[in-house]
Amino acid sequence: MQRVAAPPWVVHDRTGSRMSPTGRHDAHVHVFDTSNPIAERRTRQVMWLTLVMMVVEIAAGTVLGSMALLADGWHMSSHALALGVSAGAYYLARRHAHDPRFAFGTWKIEVLGGYTSAVFLVGVAAYMGIESVSRLFNPAPIRFDEAIPVAILGLAVNVLSAWLLSTGHDSGHQHHDHDHHAHGHDGHAHHQDLNLRSAYLHVVADAATSVLAIIALVGGKYLGANWLDPVMGIVGTVLVGRWAIGLLRDTGRVLLDAEMDSPVVQEVREVIAALPGPPQLRDLHVWRVGRGKYACIVHLAESQAMHAAEVRSALAVHEELVHVTVEFER
């Protein structure tokens, strides 16, 4: 497997001013490409599919007088809006990729899009729960013959959308992370596109609710078990709510730089501990700046024998560290 050259490192001299490894002051911060054009295109395609299905359900519900179809159509509108947020995040990240205001690139715009989309998913779960509990105590007439075919059509659209998003990974960027597995990291957890994951979860959530709705409608039509409809809605609420909370947690950790418990942090500590001489590490800060990519600040004790280049060389074994700052205290 071809090895990708590590990007330039930036270190600090003992006065704290930023310098290049050769001692020359360097104001440029290396920004690597984190774009995912395949995921961006697939997210747009799924957004349009969802919008079309939303219009079909709202139109069918209006013409046929089915409140169930109308409710599901407006329910899909929230997913379409969330997918639009994900697609917009990709666009903004690509448009501002070379904007110098973004010190470490625009990847976190995508993470912010994923977080916002997760908030919409929480809203969807809340709506489903309230509606399901309401119908459990106040049953409404269900027009099974019209609702079942539209629910099946909606499931087909969701399956197609899920397939499109599951193949929306840009393989051109995956080879950058091949050493990650060698270091014992969870590659899926650290390399995944959180914005794409948010779009995927919206589609999967809609597919899950469609499956539950079909089960409830078939049971209601042939078994007379109308109570299945609200009960399946409550089950869907729990599933969607759990997915939404998990996505909020993962995106929030990145946005708040709350990843000092990541495996890469312990690896940095182990490298520093293996340096010659007495314990060197005084302070350490690590945060994520891309899919599977991290920046860190290493603060070491004063050492006449130790140079920043040696620290840089020792840490270079971990290619996920794409921007490292080394400081020596006086």
C-alpha atoms as a PDB file:
ATOM      1  CA  MET A   1       0.000   0.000   0.000  1.00  0.00           C
ATOM      2  CA  GLN A   2       1.338   3.389  -0.968  1.00  0.00           C
ATOM      3  CA  ARG A   3       2.322   5.531   1.983  1.00  0.00           C
ATOM      4  CA  VAL A   4       1.065   9.119   1.969  1.00  0.00           C
ATOM      5  CA  ALA A   5       3.630  11.755   2.816  1.00  0.00           C
ATOM      6  CA  ALA A   6       2.979  13.499   6.103  1.00  0.00           C
ATOM      7  CA  PRO A   7       2.086  17.205   5.849  1.00  0.00           C
ATOM      8  CA  PRO A   8       4.404  19.947   7.111  1.00  0.00           C
ATOM      9  CA  TRP A   9       4.697  20.317  10.857  1.00  0.00           C
ATOM     10  CA  VAL A  10       4.776  23.600  12.717  1.00  0.00           C
ATOM     11  CA  VAL A  11       6.756  23.932  15.945  1.00  0.00           C
ATOM     12  CA  HIS A  12       7.415  26.690  18.439  1.00  0.00           C
ATOM     13  CA  ASP A  13      10.765  28.100  19.388  1.00  0.00           C
ATOM     14  CA  ARG A  14      11.500  28.833  23.036  1.00  0.00           C
ATOM     15  CA  THR A  15      10.144  32.359  22.830  1.00  0.00           C
ATOM     16  CA  GLY A  16       6.747  31.051  21.759  1.00  0.00           C
ATOM     17  CA  SER A  17       6.725  32.478  18.218  1.00  0.00           C
ATOM     18  CA  ARG A  18       5.657  30.102  15.491  1.00  0.00           C
ATOM     19  CA  MET A  19       8.500  28.874  13.291  1.00  0.00           C
ATOM     20  CA  SER A  20       9.070  26.199  10.707  1.00  0.00           C
ATOM     21  CA  PRO A  21      11.320  23.201  11.541  1.00  0.00           C
ATOM     22  CA  THR A  22      14.192  25.002   9.814  1.00  0.00           C
ATOM     23  CA  GLY A  23      13.858  27.976  12.143  1.00  0.00           C
ATOM     24  CA  ARG A  24      12.171  30.219   9.566  1.00  0.00           C
ATOM     25  CA  HIS A  25       9.002  32.021  10.712  1.00  0.00           C
ATOM     26  CA  ASP A  26       6.040  30.622   8.829  1.00  0.00           C
ATOM     27  CA  ALA A  27       2.545  32.135   8.995  1.00  0.00           C
ATOM     28  CA  HIS A  28       1.009  29.432   6.798  1.00  0.00           C
ATOM     29  CA  VAL A  29      -1.074  26.739   8.459  1.00  0.00           C
ATOM     30  CA  HIS A  30      -1.396  23.548   6.449  1.00  0.00           C
ATOM     31  CA  VAL A  31      -5.030  22.803   5.581  1.00  0.00           C
ATOM     32  CA  PHE A  32      -5.759  19.410   4.049  1.00  0.00           C
ATOM     33  CA  ASP A  33      -8.668  18.557   1.778  1.00  0.00           C
ATOM     34  CA  THR A  34     -11.581  16.985   3.668  1.00  0.00           C
ATOM     35  CA  SER A  35     -14.191  17.314   0.922  1.00  0.00           C
ATOM     36  CA  ASN A  36     -16.420  14.352   0.101  1.00  0.00           C
ATOM     37  CA  PRO A  37     -17.933  15.060  -3.351  1.00  0.00           C
ATOM     38  CA  ILE A  38     -19.629  11.669  -3.655  1.00  0.00           C
ATOM     39  CA  ALA A  39     -21.414  12.106  -0.324  1.00  0.00           C
ATOM     40  CA  GLU A  40     -22.419  15.649  -1.275  1.00  0.00           C
ATOM     41  CA  ARG A  41     -23.938  14.487  -4.567  1.00  0.00           C
ATOM     42  CA  ARG A  42     -25.738  11.524  -2.997  1.00  0.00           C
ATOM     43  CA  THR A  43     -27.151  13.685  -0.203  1.00  0.00           C
ATOM     44  CA  ARG A  44     -28.619  16.087  -2.776  1.00  0.00           C
ATOM     45  CA  GLN A  45     -30.146  13.174  -4.699  1.00  0.00           C
ATOM     46  CA  VAL A  46     -31.754  11.764  -1.564  1.00  0.00           C
ATOM     47  CA  MET A  47     -33.034  15.219  -0.602  1.00  0.00           C
ATOM     48  CA  TRP A  48     -34.872  15.509  -3.926  1.00  0.00           C
ATOM     49  CA  LEU A  49     -36.245  11.956  -3.619  1.00  0.00           C
ATOM     50  CA  THR A  50     -37.568  12.784  -0.162  1.00  0.00           C
ATOM     51  CA  LEU A  51     -39.126  16.025  -1.390  1.00  0.00           C
ATOM     52  CA  VAL A  52     -40.909  14.221  -4.246  1.00  0.00           C
ATOM     53  CA  MET A  53     -42.227  11.539  -1.884  1.00  0.00           C
ATOM     54  CA  MET A  54     -43.350  14.241   0.547  1.00  0.00           C
ATOM     55  CA  VAL A  55     -45.377  15.977  -2.185  1.00  0.00           C
ATOM     56  CA  VAL A  56     -46.918  12.653  -3.279  1.00  0.00           C
ATOM     57  CA  GLU A  57     -48.038  11.797   0.268  1.00  0.00           C
ATOM     58  CA  ILE A  58     -49.441  15.268   0.981  1.00  0.00           C
ATOM     59  CA  ALA A  59     -51.282  15.332  -2.364  1.00  0.00           C
ATOM     60  CA  ALA A  60     -52.640  11.789  -1.870  1.00  0.00           C
ATOM     61  CA  GLY A  61     -53.717  12.583   1.680  1.00  0.00           C
ATOM     62  CA  THR A  62     -55.526  15.722   0.523  1.00  0.00           C
ATOM     63  CA  VAL A  63     -57.303  14.032  -2.391  1.00  0.00           C
ATOM     64  CA  LEU A  64     -58.205  10.840  -0.495  1.00  0.00           C
ATOM     65  CA  GLY A  65     -59.016  12.584   2.759  1.00  0.00           C
ATOM     66  CA  SER A  66     -56.496  10.454   4.661  1.00  0.00           C
ATOM     67  CA  MET A  67     -55.096  12.153   7.759  1.00  0.00           C
ATOM     68  CA  ALA A  68     -52.535   9.334   8.125  1.00  0.00           C
ATOM     69  CA  LEU A  69     -51.006  10.117   4.736  1.00  0.00           C
ATOM     70  CA  LEU A  70     -51.084  13.847   5.386  1.00  0.00           C
ATOM     71  CA  ALA A  71     -49.349  13.397   8.727  1.00  0.00           C
ATOM     72  CA  ASP A  72     -46.644  11.191   7.194  1.00  0.00           C
ATOM     73  CA  GLY A  73     -46.159  13.680   4.355  1.00  0.00           C
ATOM     74  CA  TRP A  74     -45.550  16.569   6.720  1.00  0.00           C
ATOM     75  CA  HIS A  75     -43.404  14.245   8.817  1.00  0.00           C
ATOM     76  CA  MET A  76     -41.230  13.667   5.738  1.00  0.00           C
ATOM     77  CA  SER A  77     -40.902  17.418   5.289  1.00  0.00           C
ATOM     78  CA  SER A  78     -38.773  17.545   8.436  1.00  0.00           C
ATOM     79  CA  HIS A  79     -36.482  14.892   6.964  1.00  0.00           C
ATOM     80  CA  ALA A  80     -36.264  16.831   3.690  1.00  0.00           C
ATOM     81  CA  LEU A  81     -35.311  19.957   5.624  1.00  0.00           C
ATOM     82  CA  ALA A  82     -32.641  18.070   7.584  1.00  0.00           C
ATOM     83  CA  LEU A  83     -31.246  16.558   4.382  1.00  0.00           C
ATOM     84  CA  GLY A  84     -31.146  20.070   2.937  1.00  0.00           C
ATOM     85  CA  VAL A  85     -29.091  21.164   5.947  1.00  0.00           C
ATOM     86  CA  SER A  86     -26.633  18.309   5.322  1.00  0.00           C
ATOM     87  CA  ALA A  87     -26.353  19.147   1.617  1.00  0.00           C
ATOM     88  CA  GLY A  88     -25.896  22.838   2.457  1.00  0.00           C
ATOM     89  CA  ALA A  89     -23.120  21.996   4.930  1.00  0.00           C
ATOM     90  CA  TYR A  90     -21.210  20.135   2.212  1.00  0.00           C
ATOM     91  CA  TYR A  91     -21.628  23.084  -0.135  1.00  0.00           C
ATOM     92  CA  LEU A  92     -20.445  25.659   2.408  1.00  0.00           C
ATOM     93  CA  ALA A  93     -17.463  23.528   3.440  1.00  0.00           C
ATOM     94  CA  ARG A  94     -16.421  23.203  -0.204  1.00  0.00           C
ATOM     95  CA  ARG A  95     -17.047  26.858  -1.029  1.00  0.00           C
ATOM     96  CA  HIS A  96     -14.965  28.148   1.892  1.00  0.00           C
ATOM     97  CA  ALA A  97     -12.308  25.431   1.771  1.00  0.00           C
ATOM     98  CA  HIS A  98      -9.544  27.979   1.059  1.00  0.00           C
ATOM     99  CA  ASP A  99     -10.853  30.776   3.262  1.00  0.00           C
ATOM    100  CA  PRO A 100      -7.921  31.806   5.532  1.00  0.00           C
ATOM    101  CA  ARG A 101     -10.333  32.579   8.378  1.00  0.00           C
ATOM    102  CA  PHE A 102     -10.687  28.832   9.000  1.00  0.00           C
ATOM    103  CA  ALA A 103      -7.454  27.918  10.776  1.00  0.00           C
ATOM    104  CA  PHE A 104      -7.900  24.162  10.303  1.00  0.00           C
ATOM    105  CA  GLY A 105     -10.134  24.035   7.241  1.00  0.00           C
ATOM    106  CA  THR A 106     -13.897  23.823   6.945  1.00  0.00           C
ATOM    107  CA  TRP A 107     -14.531  20.233   7.964  1.00  0.00           C
ATOM    108  CA  LYS A 108     -16.360  21.279  11.129  1.00  0.00           C
ATOM    109  CA  ILE A 109     -19.033  22.963   8.983  1.00  0.00           C
ATOM    110  CA  GLU A 110     -20.018  19.426   8.019  1.00  0.00           C
ATOM    111  CA  VAL A 111     -19.995  18.370  11.681  1.00  0.00           C
ATOM    112  CA  LEU A 112     -22.162  21.380  12.543  1.00  0.00           C
ATOM    113  CA  GLY A 113     -24.547  20.308   9.776  1.00  0.00           C
ATOM    114  CA  GLY A 114     -24.690  16.831  11.308  1.00  0.00           C
ATOM    115  CA  TYR A 115     -25.395  18.300  14.744  1.00  0.00           C
ATOM    116  CA  THR A 116     -28.186  20.527  13.388  1.00  0.00           C
ATOM    117  CA  SER A 117     -29.673  17.580  11.533  1.00  0.00           C
ATOM    118  CA  ALA A 118     -29.603  15.549  14.757  1.00  0.00           C
ATOM    119  CA  VAL A 119     -31.597  18.306  16.463  1.00  0.00           C
ATOM    120  CA  PHE A 120     -34.232  17.948  13.715  1.00  0.00           C
ATOM    121  CA  LEU A 121     -34.204  14.184  14.335  1.00  0.00           C
ATOM    122  CA  VAL A 122     -34.960  14.798  18.026  1.00  0.00           C
ATOM    123  CA  GLY A 123     -37.901  16.959  16.922  1.00  0.00           C
ATOM    124  CA  VAL A 124     -39.137  14.173  14.648  1.00  0.00           C
ATOM    125  CA  ALA A 125     -38.970  11.685  17.532  1.00  0.00           C
ATOM    126  CA  ALA A 126     -40.843  14.081  19.828  1.00  0.00           C
ATOM    127  CA  TYR A 127     -43.574  14.621  17.214  1.00  0.00           C
ATOM    128  CA  MET A 128     -43.911  10.868  16.666  1.00  0.00           C
ATOM    129  CA  GLY A 129     -44.180  10.233  20.407  1.00  0.00           C
ATOM    130  CA  ILE A 130     -46.802  12.908  21.041  1.00  0.00           C
ATOM    131  CA  GLU A 131     -48.887  11.853  18.051  1.00  0.00           C
ATOM    132  CA  SER A 132     -48.665   8.147  18.945  1.00  0.00           C
ATOM    133  CA  VAL A 133     -49.681   8.639  22.582  1.00  0.00           C
ATOM    134  CA  SER A 134     -52.539  10.889  21.470  1.00  0.00           C
ATOM    135  CA  ARG A 135     -53.844   8.256  19.048  1.00  0.00           C
ATOM    136  CA  LEU A 136     -53.461   5.520  21.636  1.00  0.00           C
ATOM    137  CA  PHE A 137     -56.029   7.244  23.843  1.00  0.00           C
ATOM    138  CA  ASN A 138     -58.054   8.840  21.033  1.00  0.00           C
ATOM    139  CA  PRO A 139     -58.111   6.361  18.110  1.00  0.00           C
ATOM    140  CA  ALA A 140     -58.712   7.854  14.679  1.00  0.00           C
ATOM    141  CA  PRO A 141     -60.250   6.023  11.688  1.00  0.00           C
ATOM    142  CA  ILE A 142     -57.599   4.659   9.325  1.00  0.00           C
ATOM    143  CA  ARG A 143     -58.223   4.224   5.574  1.00  0.00           C
ATOM    144  CA  PHE A 144     -56.152   1.063   5.198  1.00  0.00           C
ATOM    145  CA  ASP A 145     -56.658   0.508   1.448  1.00  0.00           C
ATOM    146  CA  GLU A 146     -55.092   3.878   0.583  1.00  0.00           C
ATOM    147  CA  ALA A 147     -52.534   4.063   3.361  1.00  0.00           C
ATOM    148  CA  ILE A 148     -50.872   0.668   2.823  1.00  0.00           C
ATOM    149  CA  PRO A 149     -49.768   1.188  -0.843  1.00  0.00           C
ATOM    150  CA  VAL A 150     -48.412   4.668  -0.106  1.00  0.00           C
ATOM    151  CA  ALA A 151     -46.552   3.368   2.955  1.00  0.00           C
ATOM    152  CA  ILE A 152     -44.979   0.619   0.808  1.00  0.00           C
ATOM    153  CA  LEU A 153     -43.979   3.213  -1.803  1.00  0.00           C
ATOM    154  CA  GLY A 154     -42.458   5.346   0.934  1.00  0.00           C
ATOM    155  CA  LEU A 155     -40.470   2.364   2.204  1.00  0.00           C
ATOM    156  CA  ALA A 156     -39.148   1.679  -1.304  1.00  0.00           C
ATOM    157  CA  VAL A 157     -37.987   5.287  -1.627  1.00  0.00           C
ATOM    158  CA  ASN A 158     -36.299   5.098   1.774  1.00  0.00           C
ATOM    159  CA  VAL A 159     -34.507   1.855   0.899  1.00  0.00           C
ATOM    160  CA  LEU A 160     -33.218   3.434  -2.313  1.00  0.00           C
ATOM    161  CA  SER A 161     -32.149   6.541  -0.409  1.00  0.00           C
ATOM    162  CA  ALA A 162     -30.362   4.472   2.246  1.00  0.00           C
ATOM    163  CA  TRP A 163     -28.500   2.572  -0.463  1.00  0.00           C
ATOM    164  CA  LEU A 164     -27.414   5.810  -2.125  1.00  0.00           C
ATOM    165  CA  LEU A 165     -26.097   7.213   1.150  1.00  0.00           C
ATOM    166  CA  SER A 166     -24.422   3.962   2.207  1.00  0.00           C
ATOM    167  CA  THR A 167     -22.307   4.177  -0.957  1.00  0.00           C
ATOM    168  CA  GLY A 168     -21.655   7.900  -0.502  1.00  0.00           C
ATOM    169  CA  HIS A 169     -18.084   7.556   0.758  1.00  0.00           C
ATOM    170  CA  ASP A 170     -15.275   9.145  -1.212  1.00  0.00           C
ATOM    171  CA  SER A 171     -12.759   6.321  -1.449  1.00  0.00           C
ATOM    172  CA  GLY A 172     -10.184   8.799  -2.630  1.00  0.00           C
ATOM    173  CA  HIS A 173      -9.729   9.992   0.949  1.00  0.00           C
ATOM    174  CA  GLN A 174      -9.725   6.672   2.728  1.00  0.00           C
ATOM    175  CA  HIS A 175      -6.103   5.761   2.042  1.00  0.00           C
ATOM    176  CA  HIS A 176      -4.934   8.627   4.223  1.00  0.00           C
ATOM    177  CA  ASP A 177      -6.017   6.696   7.275  1.00  0.00           C
ATOM    178  CA  HIS A 178      -4.515   3.274   6.654  1.00  0.00           C
ATOM    179  CA  ASP A 179      -2.185   3.415   9.656  1.00  0.00           C
ATOM    180  CA  HIS A 180      -5.068   4.168  11.974  1.00  0.00           C
ATOM    181  CA  HIS A 181      -5.965   0.500  12.241  1.00  0.00           C
ATOM    182  CA  ALA A 182      -2.364  -0.431  12.924  1.00  0.00           C
ATOM    183  CA  HIS A 183      -2.509   1.726  16.044  1.00  0.00           C
ATOM    184  CA  GLY A 184      -5.573  -0.113  17.345  1.00  0.00           C
ATOM    185  CA  HIS A 185      -8.123   2.663  16.745  1.00  0.00           C
ATOM    186  CA  ASP A 186     -11.743   2.133  15.944  1.00  0.00           C
ATOM    187  CA  GLY A 187     -11.492   3.182  12.312  1.00  0.00           C
ATOM    188  CA  HIS A 188     -15.234   3.401  11.714  1.00  0.00           C
ATOM    189  CA  ALA A 189     -15.867   5.637  14.700  1.00  0.00           C
ATOM    190  CA  HIS A 190     -13.068   8.062  13.924  1.00  0.00           C
ATOM    191  CA  HIS A 191     -13.152   8.145  10.109  1.00  0.00           C
ATOM    192  CA  GLN A 192     -16.873   8.299   9.478  1.00  0.00           C
ATOM    193  CA  ASP A 193     -18.445  11.329   7.854  1.00  0.00           C
ATOM    194  CA  LEU A 194     -20.714  12.660  10.617  1.00  0.00           C
ATOM    195  CA  ASN A 195     -22.698  14.832   8.199  1.00  0.00           C
ATOM    196  CA  LEU A 196     -23.334  11.834   5.947  1.00  0.00           C
ATOM    197  CA  ARG A 197     -24.220   9.761   8.989  1.00  0.00           C
ATOM    198  CA  SER A 198     -26.855  12.312  10.006  1.00  0.00           C
ATOM    199  CA  ALA A 199     -28.449  12.194   6.548  1.00  0.00           C
ATOM    200  CA  TYR A 200     -28.329   8.393   6.603  1.00  0.00           C
ATOM    201  CA  LEU A 201     -29.977   8.249  10.026  1.00  0.00           C
ATOM    202  CA  HIS A 202     -32.857  10.432   8.815  1.00  0.00           C
ATOM    203  CA  VAL A 203     -33.472   8.045   5.927  1.00  0.00           C
ATOM    204  CA  VAL A 204     -33.121   4.939   8.109  1.00  0.00           C
ATOM    205  CA  ALA A 205     -35.436   6.476  10.705  1.00  0.00           C
ATOM    206  CA  ASP A 206     -38.039   7.103   8.008  1.00  0.00           C
ATOM    207  CA  ALA A 207     -37.579   3.561   6.658  1.00  0.00           C
ATOM    208  CA  ALA A 208     -37.989   2.106  10.161  1.00  0.00           C
ATOM    209  CA  THR A 209     -41.182   4.076  10.750  1.00  0.00           C
ATOM    210  CA  SER A 210     -42.452   2.947   7.329  1.00  0.00           C
ATOM    211  CA  VAL A 211     -41.849  -0.709   8.248  1.00  0.00           C
ATOM    212  CA  LEU A 212     -43.584  -0.242  11.588  1.00  0.00           C
ATOM    213  CA  ALA A 213     -46.441   1.599   9.869  1.00  0.00           C
ATOM    214  CA  ILE A 214     -46.895  -1.220   7.319  1.00  0.00           C
ATOM    215  CA  ILE A 215     -46.966  -3.809  10.139  1.00  0.00           C
ATOM    216  CA  ALA A 216     -49.519  -1.734  12.006  1.00  0.00           C
ATOM    217  CA  LEU A 217     -51.691  -1.103   8.938  1.00  0.00           C
ATOM    218  CA  VAL A 218     -51.683  -4.752   7.835  1.00  0.00           C
ATOM    219  CA  GLY A 219     -52.459  -5.875  11.391  1.00  0.00           C
ATOM    220  CA  GLY A 220     -55.240  -3.318  11.626  1.00  0.00           C
ATOM    221  CA  LYS A 221     -56.815  -4.273   8.312  1.00  0.00           C
ATOM    222  CA  TYR A 222     -56.693  -8.064   8.615  1.00  0.00           C
ATOM    223  CA  LEU A 223     -56.708  -8.588  12.393  1.00  0.00           C
ATOM    224  CA  GLY A 224     -58.698  -5.568  13.497  1.00  0.00           C
ATOM    225  CA  ALA A 225     -55.827  -4.581  15.807  1.00  0.00           C
ATOM    226  CA  ASN A 226     -56.074  -0.819  15.351  1.00  0.00           C
ATOM    227  CA  TRP A 227     -54.068  -0.317  18.540  1.00  0.00           C
ATOM    228  CA  LEU A 228     -50.966  -1.514  16.652  1.00  0.00           C
ATOM    229  CA  ASP A 229     -50.705   1.828  14.839  1.00  0.00           C
ATOM    230  CA  PRO A 230     -49.987   4.016  17.900  1.00  0.00           C
ATOM    231  CA  VAL A 231     -47.960   1.273  19.627  1.00  0.00           C
ATOM    232  CA  MET A 232     -45.652   0.940  16.614  1.00  0.00           C
ATOM    233  CA  GLY A 233     -45.384   4.723  16.609  1.00  0.00           C
ATOM    234  CA  ILE A 234     -44.122   4.637  20.196  1.00  0.00           C
ATOM    235  CA  VAL A 235     -41.592   1.920  19.296  1.00  0.00           C
ATOM    236  CA  GLY A 236     -40.394   4.092  16.408  1.00  0.00           C
ATOM    237  CA  THR A 237     -40.092   7.067  18.762  1.00  0.00           C
ATOM    238  CA  VAL A 238     -37.731   5.137  21.034  1.00  0.00           C
ATOM    239  CA  LEU A 239     -35.575   3.957  18.107  1.00  0.00           C
ATOM    240  CA  VAL A 240     -35.325   7.365  16.440  1.00  0.00           C
ATOM    241  CA  GLY A 241     -34.708   9.075  19.773  1.00  0.00           C
ATOM    242  CA  ARG A 242     -31.781   6.784  20.575  1.00  0.00           C
ATOM    243  CA  TRP A 243     -30.217   7.356  17.148  1.00  0.00           C
ATOM    244  CA  ALA A 244     -30.644  11.112  17.489  1.00  0.00           C
ATOM    245  CA  ILE A 245     -29.066  11.238  20.950  1.00  0.00           C
ATOM    246  CA  GLY A 246     -26.108   9.153  19.758  1.00  0.00           C
ATOM    247  CA  LEU A 247     -25.523  11.506  16.833  1.00  0.00           C
ATOM    248  CA  LEU A 248     -25.820  14.577  19.082  1.00  0.00           C
ATOM    249  CA  ARG A 249     -23.245  13.072  21.423  1.00  0.00           C
ATOM    250  CA  ASP A 250     -20.739  12.249  18.661  1.00  0.00           C
ATOM    251  CA  THR A 251     -21.017  15.559  16.814  1.00  0.00           C
ATOM    252  CA  GLY A 252     -21.081  17.546  20.059  1.00  0.00           C
ATOM    253  CA  ARG A 253     -17.812  15.960  21.202  1.00  0.00           C
ATOM    254  CA  VAL A 254     -16.116  17.119  18.014  1.00  0.00           C
ATOM    255  CA  LEU A 255     -17.564  20.634  18.092  1.00  0.00           C
ATOM    256  CA  LEU A 256     -16.606  21.097  21.761  1.00  0.00           C
ATOM    257  CA  ASP A 257     -13.144  19.513  21.330  1.00  0.00           C
ATOM    258  CA  ALA A 258     -14.078  17.033  24.051  1.00  0.00           C
ATOM    259  CA  GLU A 259     -11.935  14.165  22.789  1.00  0.00           C
ATOM    260  CA  MET A 260      -9.090  13.960  25.273  1.00  0.00           C
ATOM    261  CA  ASP A 261     -10.212  10.396  25.949  1.00  0.00           C
ATOM    262  CA  SER A 262      -9.529   9.334  22.348  1.00  0.00           C
ATOM    263  CA  PRO A 263      -6.953   6.553  21.814  1.00  0.00           C
ATOM    264  CA  VAL A 264      -4.646   8.923  19.958  1.00  0.00           C
ATOM    265  CA  VAL A 265      -4.134  10.954  23.157  1.00  0.00           C
ATOM    266  CA  GLN A 266      -2.745   7.951  25.005  1.00  0.00           C
ATOM    267  CA  GLU A 267      -0.526   7.173  22.024  1.00  0.00           C
ATOM    268  CA  VAL A 268       0.957  10.667  22.153  1.00  0.00           C
ATOM    269  CA  ARG A 269       1.614  10.257  25.879  1.00  0.00           C
ATOM    270  CA  GLU A 270       3.348   6.929  25.240  1.00  0.00           C
ATOM    271  CA  VAL A 271       5.600   8.467  22.580  1.00  0.00           C
ATOM    272  CA  ILE A 272       6.577  11.345  24.865  1.00  0.00           C
ATOM    273  CA  ALA A 273       7.184   8.972  27.781  1.00  0.00           C
ATOM    274  CA  ALA A 274       9.571   6.949  25.600  1.00  0.00           C
ATOM    275  CA  LEU A 275      11.755   9.986  24.848  1.00  0.00           C
ATOM    276  CA  PRO A 276      15.230   9.883  26.465  1.00  0.00           C
ATOM    277  CA  GLY A 277      15.755  11.527  29.829  1.00  0.00           C
ATOM    278  CA  PRO A 278      13.363  12.231  32.726  1.00  0.00           C
ATOM    279  CA  PRO A 279       9.585  12.673  32.174  1.00  0.00           C
ATOM    280  CA  GLN A 280       9.095  15.533  29.724  1.00  0.00           C
ATOM    281  CA  LEU A 281       5.355  16.132  29.323  1.00  0.00           C
ATOM    282  CA  ARG A 282       3.922  19.181  31.112  1.00  0.00           C
ATOM    283  CA  ASP A 283       0.703  19.749  29.151  1.00  0.00           C
ATOM    284  CA  LEU A 284      -1.098  18.211  26.190  1.00  0.00           C
ATOM    285  CA  HIS A 285      -4.046  19.309  24.041  1.00  0.00           C
ATOM    286  CA  VAL A 286      -5.482  17.153  21.237  1.00  0.00           C
ATOM    287  CA  TRP A 287      -8.499  17.918  19.069  1.00  0.00           C
ATOM    288  CA  ARG A 288      -9.957  16.689  15.804  1.00  0.00           C
ATOM    289  CA  VAL A 289      -9.641  18.762  12.631  1.00  0.00           C
ATOM    290  CA  GLY A 290     -10.835  16.256  10.021  1.00  0.00           C
ATOM    291  CA  ARG A 291     -12.123  12.725   9.510  1.00  0.00           C
ATOM    292  CA  GLY A 292      -9.586  10.710  11.479  1.00  0.00           C
ATOM    293  CA  LYS A 293      -7.204  13.702  11.585  1.00  0.00           C
ATOM    294  CA  TYR A 294      -5.989  15.452  14.728  1.00  0.00           C
ATOM    295  CA  ALA A 295      -3.983  18.491  15.804  1.00  0.00           C
ATOM    296  CA  CYS A 296      -2.112  18.675  19.087  1.00  0.00           C
ATOM    297  CA  ILE A 297      -0.064  20.986  21.293  1.00  0.00           C
ATOM    298  CA  VAL A 298       2.706  19.291  23.271  1.00  0.00           C
ATOM    299  CA  HIS A 299       4.230  21.266  26.146  1.00  0.00           C
ATOM    300  CA  LEU A 300       7.540  19.800  27.360  1.00  0.00           C
ATOM    301  CA  ALA A 301       9.980  20.543  30.129  1.00  0.00           C
ATOM    302  CA  GLU A 302      13.106  22.535  29.307  1.00  0.00           C
ATOM    303  CA  SER A 303      15.817  20.274  27.938  1.00  0.00           C
ATOM    304  CA  GLN A 304      19.219  21.194  26.574  1.00  0.00           C
ATOM    305  CA  ALA A 305      19.484  17.858  24.803  1.00  0.00           C
ATOM    306  CA  MET A 306      15.979  17.689  23.332  1.00  0.00           C
ATOM    307  CA  HIS A 307      14.985  19.478  20.134  1.00  0.00           C
ATOM    308  CA  ALA A 308      11.548  19.986  18.595  1.00  0.00           C
ATOM    309  CA  ALA A 309      12.649  18.085  15.493  1.00  0.00           C
ATOM    310  CA  GLU A 310      13.244  14.962  17.598  1.00  0.00           C
ATOM    311  CA  VAL A 311       9.776  15.213  19.136  1.00  0.00           C
ATOM    312  CA  ARG A 312       8.306  15.731  15.693  1.00  0.00           C
ATOM    313  CA  SER A 313      10.136  12.710  14.338  1.00  0.00           C
ATOM    314  CA  ALA A 314       8.953  10.514  17.216  1.00  0.00           C
ATOM    315  CA  LEU A 315       5.301  11.552  16.761  1.00  0.00           C
ATOM    316  CA  ALA A 316       5.407  11.192  12.961  1.00  0.00           C
ATOM    317  CA  VAL A 317       4.679   7.475  13.319  1.00  0.00           C
ATOM    318  CA  HIS A 318       1.056   8.459  13.969  1.00  0.00           C
ATOM    319  CA  GLU A 319      -0.099   9.841  10.615  1.00  0.00           C
ATOM    320  CA  GLU A 320      -3.424  10.934  12.034  1.00  0.00           C
ATOM    321  CA  LEU A 321      -1.537  13.800  13.710  1.00  0.00           C
ATOM    322  CA  VAL A 322      -1.537  16.295  10.853  1.00  0.00           C
ATOM    323  CA  HIS A 323      -0.664  19.472  12.793  1.00  0.00           C
ATOM    324  CA  VAL A 324       1.612  19.426  15.820  1.00  0.00           C
ATOM    325  CA  THR A 325       2.885  22.310  17.918  1.00  0.00           C
ATOM    326  CA  VAL A 326       5.820  21.641  20.272  1.00  0.00           C
ATOM    327  CA  GLU A 327       6.559  24.022  23.133  1.00  0.00           C
ATOM    328  CA  PHE A 328       9.418  24.033  25.655  1.00  0.00           C
ATOM    329  CA  GLU A 329       9.036  25.843  28.963  1.00  0.00           C
ATOM    330  CA  ARG A 330      11.922  27.949  30.154  1.00  0.00           C
END
